[in-house]
Amino acid sequence: MIAWIDTVSRWAVPLLIAFIPVYGLARGVRIYDAFIEGAREGLLLAVRIVPFMVSIFVALGIFREGGGMALLVGWLRPVLDSLGIPGEVLPLAVIRPLSGGGALGIAAELIRRWGPDSYVGRLASVMQGATDTTFYILTFYFGSVGIKRTRHALAAGLAADLASVVTAVLVVRWFFGYP
Protein backbone atom coordinates (compact mmCIF):
# COMPACT_ATOMS: atom_id res chain seq x y z
CA MET A 1 0.00 0.00 0.00
CA ILE A 2 2.75 2.47 0.95
CA ALA A 3 4.76 1.67 -2.22
CA TRP A 4 1.70 2.53 -4.35
CA ILE A 5 1.28 5.90 -2.61
CA ASP A 6 4.98 6.60 -2.99
CA THR A 7 4.81 5.84 -6.72
CA VAL A 8 1.76 8.07 -7.24
CA SER A 9 3.32 10.94 -5.31
CA ARG A 10 6.58 10.62 -7.25
CA TRP A 11 4.86 10.73 -10.67
CA ALA A 12 1.96 13.14 -9.98
CA VAL A 13 3.76 16.41 -10.73
CA PRO A 14 5.71 15.21 -13.82
CA LEU A 15 2.55 13.72 -15.30
CA LEU A 16 0.61 16.92 -14.63
CA ILE A 17 3.37 19.00 -16.24
CA ALA A 18 3.32 16.71 -19.29
CA PHE A 19 -0.50 16.64 -19.46
CA ILE A 20 -0.97 20.41 -19.69
CA PRO A 21 0.89 20.95 -22.99
CA VAL A 22 -0.53 17.76 -24.49
CA TYR A 23 -4.05 18.91 -23.59
CA GLY A 24 -3.32 22.36 -25.04
CA LEU A 25 -2.05 20.86 -28.28
CA ALA A 26 -5.12 18.65 -28.54
CA ARG A 27 -7.29 21.77 -28.19
CA GLY A 28 -5.31 23.67 -30.82
CA VAL A 29 -3.57 26.10 -28.45
CA ARG A 30 -0.26 27.55 -29.61
CA ILE A 31 1.67 26.38 -26.53
CA TYR A 32 4.86 28.40 -26.91
CA ASP A 33 3.00 31.64 -27.70
CA ALA A 34 0.71 31.12 -24.70
CA PHE A 35 3.74 30.48 -22.48
CA ILE A 36 5.53 33.63 -23.68
CA GLU A 37 2.38 35.72 -23.16
CA GLY A 38 1.99 34.36 -19.63
CA ALA A 39 5.64 35.09 -18.85
CA ARG A 40 5.20 38.65 -20.17
CA GLU A 41 2.13 39.20 -18.00
CA GLY A 42 3.97 37.79 -14.98
CA LEU A 43 6.88 40.16 -15.50
CA LEU A 44 4.55 43.15 -15.85
CA LEU A 45 2.75 42.09 -12.67
CA ALA A 46 6.06 41.87 -10.81
CA VAL A 47 7.03 45.36 -11.95
CA ARG A 48 3.66 46.73 -10.74
CA ILE A 49 3.90 45.26 -7.25
CA VAL A 50 7.61 45.91 -6.54
CA PRO A 51 6.99 49.41 -5.07
CA PHE A 52 4.44 47.98 -2.63
CA MET A 53 6.81 45.19 -1.57
CA VAL A 54 9.76 47.56 -1.13
CA SER A 55 7.67 49.85 1.08
CA ILE A 56 6.71 46.93 3.35
CA PHE A 57 10.30 45.75 3.72
CA VAL A 58 11.64 49.26 4.36
CA ALA A 59 9.00 49.95 7.01
CA LEU A 60 9.71 46.60 8.64
CA GLY A 61 13.45 47.26 8.70
CA ILE A 62 12.98 50.72 10.21
CA PHE A 63 10.67 49.33 12.89
CA ARG A 64 13.07 46.57 13.92
CA GLU A 65 16.36 48.43 13.62
CA GLY A 66 14.96 51.61 15.16
CA GLY A 67 14.12 49.77 18.39
CA GLY A 68 10.36 49.77 17.91
CA MET A 69 10.10 46.01 18.27
CA ALA A 70 12.14 45.95 21.50
CA LEU A 71 10.02 48.78 22.89
CA LEU A 72 6.79 46.96 21.99
CA VAL A 73 7.99 43.73 23.62
CA GLY A 74 8.96 45.67 26.77
CA TRP A 75 5.54 47.33 27.01
CA LEU A 76 3.58 44.14 26.45
CA ARG A 77 5.73 41.76 28.50
CA PRO A 78 3.66 42.15 31.73
CA VAL A 79 0.44 41.35 29.86
CA LEU A 80 2.03 38.46 28.01
CA ASP A 81 3.56 37.04 31.18
CA SER A 82 0.18 37.13 32.91
CA LEU A 83 -1.29 35.16 29.99
CA GLY A 84 1.57 32.65 30.01
CA ILE A 85 2.86 33.76 26.61
CA PRO A 86 6.63 34.20 26.37
CA GLY A 87 7.56 37.69 25.21
CA GLU A 88 10.19 36.16 22.94
CA VAL A 89 7.50 35.08 20.45
CA LEU A 90 5.91 38.53 20.17
CA PRO A 91 8.30 39.65 17.39
CA LEU A 92 7.24 36.59 15.40
CA ALA A 93 3.56 37.42 15.89
CA VAL A 94 4.15 41.02 14.81
CA ILE A 95 6.45 40.31 11.85
CA ARG A 96 4.56 37.33 10.39
CA PRO A 97 1.72 39.42 8.87
CA LEU A 98 4.34 41.62 7.22
CA SER A 99 7.04 39.28 5.97
CA GLY A 100 7.22 35.52 5.62
CA GLY A 101 11.00 35.59 5.23
CA GLY A 102 11.48 37.86 8.22
CA ALA A 103 9.19 35.69 10.32
CA LEU A 104 11.00 32.54 9.25
CA GLY A 105 14.28 34.11 10.34
CA ILE A 106 12.82 35.00 13.74
CA ALA A 107 11.33 31.51 14.15
CA ALA A 108 14.63 29.88 13.23
CA GLU A 109 16.46 32.07 15.74
CA LEU A 110 13.94 31.23 18.49
CA ILE A 111 14.26 27.52 17.76
CA ARG A 112 18.07 27.74 17.69
CA ARG A 113 18.18 29.70 20.94
CA TRP A 114 15.51 27.90 22.96
CA GLY A 115 15.51 24.47 21.27
CA PRO A 116 12.88 22.80 19.11
CA ASP A 117 11.27 20.96 22.04
CA SER A 118 10.94 24.01 24.28
CA TYR A 119 7.69 25.90 24.80
CA VAL A 120 9.10 28.85 22.84
CA GLY A 121 10.36 26.61 20.01
CA ARG A 122 7.11 24.71 19.68
CA LEU A 123 5.03 27.87 19.91
CA ALA A 124 7.18 29.55 17.25
CA SER A 125 6.77 26.54 14.96
CA VAL A 126 3.00 26.43 15.33
CA MET A 127 2.68 30.20 14.95
CA GLN A 128 4.82 30.11 11.80
CA GLY A 129 2.52 27.50 10.29
CA ALA A 130 -0.79 28.88 11.56
CA THR A 131 -0.49 32.55 10.66
CA ASP A 132 -0.16 34.19 7.28
CA THR A 133 1.59 37.12 5.63
CA THR A 134 -1.49 39.35 5.52
CA PHE A 135 0.16 42.53 4.26
CA TYR A 136 2.11 40.62 1.63
CA ILE A 137 -1.06 38.92 0.39
CA LEU A 138 -3.01 42.17 0.30
CA THR A 139 -0.14 43.95 -1.44
CA PHE A 140 0.35 41.21 -3.98
CA TYR A 141 -3.25 40.43 -4.86
CA PHE A 142 -4.77 43.89 -4.55
CA GLY A 143 -1.70 45.59 -6.03
CA SER A 144 -1.66 43.22 -8.99
CA VAL A 145 -5.16 44.24 -10.06
CA GLY A 146 -4.91 47.89 -9.01
CA ILE A 147 -7.22 47.91 -5.99
CA LYS A 148 -6.33 50.84 -3.72
CA ARG A 149 -9.11 50.65 -1.12
CA THR A 150 -8.94 47.33 0.65
CA ARG A 151 -11.99 48.09 2.83
CA HIS A 152 -12.35 45.34 5.42
CA ALA A 153 -9.79 42.91 4.02
CA LEU A 154 -6.98 44.23 6.22
CA ALA A 155 -9.06 44.07 9.40
CA ALA A 156 -10.27 40.57 8.54
CA GLY A 157 -6.73 39.38 7.77
CA LEU A 158 -5.28 40.81 10.98
CA ALA A 159 -8.18 39.39 13.01
CA ALA A 160 -7.43 35.98 11.49
CA ASP A 161 -3.75 36.39 12.36
CA LEU A 162 -4.61 37.29 15.97
CA ALA A 163 -6.96 34.31 16.20
CA SER A 164 -4.19 32.10 14.81
CA VAL A 165 -1.69 33.32 17.41
CA VAL A 166 -4.14 32.77 20.28
CA THR A 167 -5.05 29.35 18.92
CA ALA A 168 -1.36 28.45 18.55
CA VAL A 169 -0.78 29.28 22.22
CA LEU A 170 -3.79 27.21 23.30
CA VAL A 171 -2.92 24.26 21.07
CA VAL A 172 0.73 24.12 22.16
CA ARG A 173 -0.30 24.31 25.81
CA TRP A 174 -2.96 21.64 25.35
CA PHE A 175 -0.93 19.19 23.23
CA PHE A 176 2.33 19.52 25.14
CA GLY A 177 1.02 20.17 28.66
CA TYR A 178 2.56 23.57 29.30
CA PRO A 179 1.03 25.60 32.14
C-alpha atoms as a PDB file:
ATOM      1  CA  MET A   1       0.000   0.000   0.000  1.00  0.00           C
ATOM      2  CA  ILE A   2       2.753   2.466   0.950  1.00  0.00           C
ATOM      3  CA  ALA A   3       4.756   1.667  -2.216  1.00  0.00           C
ATOM      4  CA  TRP A   4       1.704   2.529  -4.352  1.00  0.00           C
ATOM      5  CA  ILE A   5       1.280   5.897  -2.611  1.00  0.00           C
ATOM      6  CA  ASP A   6       4.980   6.600  -2.994  1.00  0.00           C
ATOM      7  CA  THR A   7       4.814   5.841  -6.718  1.00  0.00           C
ATOM      8  CA  VAL A   8       1.764   8.066  -7.238  1.00  0.00           C
ATOM      9  CA  SER A   9       3.321  10.940  -5.314  1.00  0.00           C
ATOM     10  CA  ARG A  10       6.576  10.621  -7.251  1.00  0.00           C
ATOM     11  CA  TRP A  11       4.856  10.734 -10.668  1.00  0.00           C
ATOM     12  CA  ALA A  12       1.964  13.140  -9.983  1.00  0.00           C
ATOM     13  CA  VAL A  13       3.759  16.412 -10.731  1.00  0.00           C
ATOM     14  CA  PRO A  14       5.709  15.212 -13.816  1.00  0.00           C
ATOM     15  CA  LEU A  15       2.548  13.722 -15.298  1.00  0.00           C
ATOM     16  CA  LEU A  16       0.608  16.918 -14.634  1.00  0.00           C
ATOM     17  CA  ILE A  17       3.367  18.999 -16.238  1.00  0.00           C
ATOM     18  CA  ALA A  18       3.321  16.713 -19.292  1.00  0.00           C
ATOM     19  CA  PHE A  19      -0.497  16.637 -19.457  1.00  0.00           C
ATOM     20  CA  ILE A  20      -0.974  20.410 -19.688  1.00  0.00           C
ATOM     21  CA  PRO A  21       0.891  20.953 -22.993  1.00  0.00           C
ATOM     22  CA  VAL A  22      -0.532  17.761 -24.488  1.00  0.00           C
ATOM     23  CA  TYR A  23      -4.048  18.912 -23.592  1.00  0.00           C
ATOM     24  CA  GLY A  24      -3.320  22.363 -25.044  1.00  0.00           C
ATOM     25  CA  LEU A  25      -2.046  20.863 -28.284  1.00  0.00           C
ATOM     26  CA  ALA A  26      -5.116  18.654 -28.542  1.00  0.00           C
ATOM     27  CA  ARG A  27      -7.288  21.770 -28.194  1.00  0.00           C
ATOM     28  CA  GLY A  28      -5.306  23.667 -30.822  1.00  0.00           C
ATOM     29  CA  VAL A  29      -3.575  26.100 -28.451  1.00  0.00           C
ATOM     30  CA  ARG A  30      -0.263  27.546 -29.608  1.00  0.00           C
ATOM     31  CA  ILE A  31       1.666  26.383 -26.532  1.00  0.00           C
ATOM     32  CA  TYR A  32       4.860  28.399 -26.907  1.00  0.00           C
ATOM     33  CA  ASP A  33       3.001  31.640 -27.695  1.00  0.00           C
ATOM     34  CA  ALA A  34       0.711  31.121 -24.701  1.00  0.00           C
ATOM     35  CA  PHE A  35       3.738  30.477 -22.479  1.00  0.00           C
ATOM     36  CA  ILE A  36       5.527  33.626 -23.682  1.00  0.00           C
ATOM     37  CA  GLU A  37       2.378  35.720 -23.156  1.00  0.00           C
ATOM     38  CA  GLY A  38       1.994  34.356 -19.626  1.00  0.00           C
ATOM     39  CA  ALA A  39       5.639  35.094 -18.850  1.00  0.00           C
ATOM     40  CA  ARG A  40       5.201  38.651 -20.172  1.00  0.00           C
ATOM     41  CA  GLU A  41       2.128  39.200 -18.001  1.00  0.00           C
ATOM     42  CA  GLY A  42       3.970  37.792 -14.975  1.00  0.00           C
ATOM     43  CA  LEU A  43       6.881  40.158 -15.500  1.00  0.00           C
ATOM     44  CA  LEU A  44       4.548  43.152 -15.851  1.00  0.00           C
ATOM     45  CA  LEU A  45       2.753  42.095 -12.675  1.00  0.00           C
ATOM     46  CA  ALA A  46       6.059  41.865 -10.810  1.00  0.00           C
ATOM     47  CA  VAL A  47       7.026  45.363 -11.954  1.00  0.00           C
ATOM     48  CA  ARG A  48       3.660  46.728 -10.743  1.00  0.00           C
ATOM     49  CA  ILE A  49       3.900  45.260  -7.247  1.00  0.00           C
ATOM     50  CA  VAL A  50       7.607  45.910  -6.542  1.00  0.00           C
ATOM     51  CA  PRO A  51       6.988  49.409  -5.072  1.00  0.00           C
ATOM     52  CA  PHE A  52       4.440  47.976  -2.629  1.00  0.00           C
ATOM     53  CA  MET A  53       6.813  45.192  -1.573  1.00  0.00           C
ATOM     54  CA  VAL A  54       9.760  47.559  -1.130  1.00  0.00           C
ATOM     55  CA  SER A  55       7.666  49.847   1.081  1.00  0.00           C
ATOM     56  CA  ILE A  56       6.705  46.926   3.346  1.00  0.00           C
ATOM     57  CA  PHE A  57      10.301  45.748   3.720  1.00  0.00           C
ATOM     58  CA  VAL A  58      11.640  49.257   4.357  1.00  0.00           C
ATOM     59  CA  ALA A  59       8.996  49.951   7.010  1.00  0.00           C
ATOM     60  CA  LEU A  60       9.711  46.596   8.644  1.00  0.00           C
ATOM     61  CA  GLY A  61      13.454  47.260   8.699  1.00  0.00           C
ATOM     62  CA  ILE A  62      12.984  50.721  10.209  1.00  0.00           C
ATOM     63  CA  PHE A  63      10.666  49.335  12.889  1.00  0.00           C
ATOM     64  CA  ARG A  64      13.074  46.573  13.919  1.00  0.00           C
ATOM     65  CA  GLU A  65      16.361  48.430  13.623  1.00  0.00           C
ATOM     66  CA  GLY A  66      14.964  51.607  15.160  1.00  0.00           C
ATOM     67  CA  GLY A  67      14.123  49.768  18.386  1.00  0.00           C
ATOM     68  CA  GLY A  68      10.365  49.767  17.906  1.00  0.00           C
ATOM     69  CA  MET A  69      10.104  46.009  18.274  1.00  0.00           C
ATOM     70  CA  ALA A  70      12.140  45.955  21.502  1.00  0.00           C
ATOM     71  CA  LEU A  71      10.018  48.781  22.888  1.00  0.00           C
ATOM     72  CA  LEU A  72       6.792  46.956  21.993  1.00  0.00           C
ATOM     73  CA  VAL A  73       7.995  43.733  23.620  1.00  0.00           C
ATOM     74  CA  GLY A  74       8.958  45.671  26.768  1.00  0.00           C
ATOM     75  CA  TRP A  75       5.540  47.335  27.006  1.00  0.00           C
ATOM     76  CA  LEU A  76       3.577  44.139  26.449  1.00  0.00           C
ATOM     77  CA  ARG A  77       5.726  41.758  28.502  1.00  0.00           C
ATOM     78  CA  PRO A  78       3.657  42.147  31.733  1.00  0.00           C
ATOM     79  CA  VAL A  79       0.438  41.354  29.863  1.00  0.00           C
ATOM     80  CA  LEU A  80       2.031  38.462  28.007  1.00  0.00           C
ATOM     81  CA  ASP A  81       3.562  37.041  31.181  1.00  0.00           C
ATOM     82  CA  SER A  82       0.179  37.126  32.911  1.00  0.00           C
ATOM     83  CA  LEU A  83      -1.287  35.163  29.988  1.00  0.00           C
ATOM     84  CA  GLY A  84       1.568  32.651  30.013  1.00  0.00           C
ATOM     85  CA  ILE A  85       2.861  33.765  26.615  1.00  0.00           C
ATOM     86  CA  PRO A  86       6.632  34.200  26.366  1.00  0.00           C
ATOM     87  CA  GLY A  87       7.559  37.691  25.210  1.00  0.00           C
ATOM     88  CA  GLU A  88      10.195  36.164  22.941  1.00  0.00           C
ATOM     89  CA  VAL A  89       7.496  35.075  20.453  1.00  0.00           C
ATOM     90  CA  LEU A  90       5.911  38.534  20.172  1.00  0.00           C
ATOM     91  CA  PRO A  91       8.302  39.647  17.392  1.00  0.00           C
ATOM     92  CA  LEU A  92       7.241  36.590  15.401  1.00  0.00           C
ATOM     93  CA  ALA A  93       3.557  37.417  15.894  1.00  0.00           C
ATOM     94  CA  VAL A  94       4.150  41.021  14.809  1.00  0.00           C
ATOM     95  CA  ILE A  95       6.448  40.315  11.848  1.00  0.00           C
ATOM     96  CA  ARG A  96       4.558  37.334  10.389  1.00  0.00           C
ATOM     97  CA  PRO A  97       1.716  39.421   8.871  1.00  0.00           C
ATOM     98  CA  LEU A  98       4.339  41.619   7.217  1.00  0.00           C
ATOM     99  CA  SER A  99       7.039  39.276   5.969  1.00  0.00           C
ATOM    100  CA  GLY A 100       7.222  35.519   5.619  1.00  0.00           C
ATOM    101  CA  GLY A 101      11.005  35.587   5.226  1.00  0.00           C
ATOM    102  CA  GLY A 102      11.482  37.860   8.220  1.00  0.00           C
ATOM    103  CA  ALA A 103       9.186  35.687  10.324  1.00  0.00           C
ATOM    104  CA  LEU A 104      11.002  32.544   9.246  1.00  0.00           C
ATOM    105  CA  GLY A 105      14.281  34.109  10.342  1.00  0.00           C
ATOM    106  CA  ILE A 106      12.820  34.996  13.743  1.00  0.00           C
ATOM    107  CA  ALA A 107      11.329  31.505  14.154  1.00  0.00           C
ATOM    108  CA  ALA A 108      14.633  29.876  13.232  1.00  0.00           C
ATOM    109  CA  GLU A 109      16.460  32.074  15.738  1.00  0.00           C
ATOM    110  CA  LEU A 110      13.935  31.234  18.488  1.00  0.00           C
ATOM    111  CA  ILE A 111      14.259  27.523  17.764  1.00  0.00           C
ATOM    112  CA  ARG A 112      18.070  27.743  17.689  1.00  0.00           C
ATOM    113  CA  ARG A 113      18.180  29.704  20.940  1.00  0.00           C
ATOM    114  CA  TRP A 114      15.506  27.898  22.962  1.00  0.00           C
ATOM    115  CA  GLY A 115      15.508  24.473  21.269  1.00  0.00           C
ATOM    116  CA  PRO A 116      12.879  22.797  19.110  1.00  0.00           C
ATOM    117  CA  ASP A 117      11.275  20.963  22.040  1.00  0.00           C
ATOM    118  CA  SER A 118      10.942  24.013  24.285  1.00  0.00           C
ATOM    119  CA  TYR A 119       7.694  25.896  24.797  1.00  0.00           C
ATOM    120  CA  VAL A 120       9.100  28.853  22.840  1.00  0.00           C
ATOM    121  CA  GLY A 121      10.358  26.615  20.014  1.00  0.00           C
ATOM    122  CA  ARG A 122       7.111  24.705  19.675  1.00  0.00           C
ATOM    123  CA  LEU A 123       5.034  27.872  19.911  1.00  0.00           C
ATOM    124  CA  ALA A 124       7.183  29.552  17.251  1.00  0.00           C
ATOM    125  CA  SER A 125       6.774  26.542  14.961  1.00  0.00           C
ATOM    126  CA  VAL A 126       3.002  26.427  15.332  1.00  0.00           C
ATOM    127  CA  MET A 127       2.679  30.196  14.954  1.00  0.00           C
ATOM    128  CA  GLN A 128       4.818  30.107  11.801  1.00  0.00           C
ATOM    129  CA  GLY A 129       2.523  27.504  10.286  1.00  0.00           C
ATOM    130  CA  ALA A 130      -0.793  28.881  11.556  1.00  0.00           C
ATOM    131  CA  THR A 131      -0.486  32.555  10.659  1.00  0.00           C
ATOM    132  CA  ASP A 132      -0.163  34.190   7.276  1.00  0.00           C
ATOM    133  CA  THR A 133       1.586  37.117   5.626  1.00  0.00           C
ATOM    134  CA  THR A 134      -1.494  39.349   5.519  1.00  0.00           C
ATOM    135  CA  PHE A 135       0.163  42.528   4.260  1.00  0.00           C
ATOM    136  CA  TYR A 136       2.110  40.623   1.625  1.00  0.00           C
ATOM    137  CA  ILE A 137      -1.061  38.919   0.394  1.00  0.00           C
ATOM    138  CA  LEU A 138      -3.010  42.171   0.300  1.00  0.00           C
ATOM    139  CA  THR A 139      -0.143  43.948  -1.438  1.00  0.00           C
ATOM    140  CA  PHE A 140       0.353  41.210  -3.976  1.00  0.00           C
ATOM    141  CA  TYR A 141      -3.247  40.432  -4.862  1.00  0.00           C
ATOM    142  CA  PHE A 142      -4.769  43.890  -4.553  1.00  0.00           C
ATOM    143  CA  GLY A 143      -1.703  45.586  -6.033  1.00  0.00           C
ATOM    144  CA  SER A 144      -1.660  43.218  -8.992  1.00  0.00           C
ATOM    145  CA  VAL A 145      -5.162  44.241 -10.058  1.00  0.00           C
ATOM    146  CA  GLY A 146      -4.908  47.893  -9.014  1.00  0.00           C
ATOM    147  CA  ILE A 147      -7.219  47.911  -5.989  1.00  0.00           C
ATOM    148  CA  LYS A 148      -6.327  50.843  -3.717  1.00  0.00           C
ATOM    149  CA  ARG A 149      -9.111  50.648  -1.120  1.00  0.00           C
ATOM    150  CA  THR A 150      -8.943  47.325   0.649  1.00  0.00           C
ATOM    151  CA  ARG A 151     -11.986  48.090   2.827  1.00  0.00           C
ATOM    152  CA  HIS A 152     -12.351  45.345   5.417  1.00  0.00           C
ATOM    153  CA  ALA A 153      -9.794  42.909   4.019  1.00  0.00           C
ATOM    154  CA  LEU A 154      -6.976  44.234   6.217  1.00  0.00           C
ATOM    155  CA  ALA A 155      -9.062  44.074   9.400  1.00  0.00           C
ATOM    156  CA  ALA A 156     -10.273  40.570   8.539  1.00  0.00           C
ATOM    157  CA  GLY A 157      -6.733  39.382   7.771  1.00  0.00           C
ATOM    158  CA  LEU A 158      -5.277  40.814  10.975  1.00  0.00           C
ATOM    159  CA  ALA A 159      -8.176  39.391  13.010  1.00  0.00           C
ATOM    160  CA  ALA A 160      -7.430  35.983  11.485  1.00  0.00           C
ATOM    161  CA  ASP A 161      -3.747  36.386  12.364  1.00  0.00           C
ATOM    162  CA  LEU A 162      -4.612  37.286  15.968  1.00  0.00           C
ATOM    163  CA  ALA A 163      -6.964  34.307  16.204  1.00  0.00           C
ATOM    164  CA  SER A 164      -4.187  32.098  14.813  1.00  0.00           C
ATOM    165  CA  VAL A 165      -1.688  33.321  17.415  1.00  0.00           C
ATOM    166  CA  VAL A 166      -4.138  32.770  20.277  1.00  0.00           C
ATOM    167  CA  THR A 167      -5.047  29.347  18.920  1.00  0.00           C
ATOM    168  CA  ALA A 168      -1.360  28.448  18.548  1.00  0.00           C
ATOM    169  CA  VAL A 169      -0.778  29.284  22.220  1.00  0.00           C
ATOM    170  CA  LEU A 170      -3.785  27.212  23.297  1.00  0.00           C
ATOM    171  CA  VAL A 171      -2.917  24.263  21.068  1.00  0.00           C
ATOM    172  CA  VAL A 172       0.731  24.118  22.158  1.00  0.00           C
ATOM    173  CA  ARG A 173      -0.297  24.311  25.806  1.00  0.00           C
ATOM    174  CA  TRP A 174      -2.958  21.640  25.348  1.00  0.00           C
ATOM    175  CA  PHE A 175      -0.929  19.190  23.233  1.00  0.00           C
ATOM    176  CA  PHE A 176       2.328  19.516  25.143  1.00  0.00           C
ATOM    177  CA  GLY A 177       1.021  20.174  28.657  1.00  0.00           C
ATOM    178  CA  TYR A 178       2.565  23.568  29.301  1.00  0.00           C
ATOM    179  CA  PRO A 179       1.033  25.598  32.141  1.00  0.00           C
END
